[in-house]
């Protein structure tokens, strides 16, 4: 929540319209809490991931933890 407020305040300086921010957490079923992306979807082990690295990382997680070719994810 604190980070969402920081972002809103920062971007509000540059636009003359109402602005809002969301701060959701991504959870992937059947993956340990340590591996959950939560709010750090682009960071793994303190490394910021590029688009390609992020796709490779999460594709691998799905491959490892999938059931019947699928894995459930949700934004909370």
Foldseek 3Di string as FASTA:
>chain_A
DVVQVVVLVVVCVPDDDHDGGDQKFKAWPPDDPLPGCTSPLQADPNDGHDPVRSCVVVVVVCVVDPDPSDIDMDID
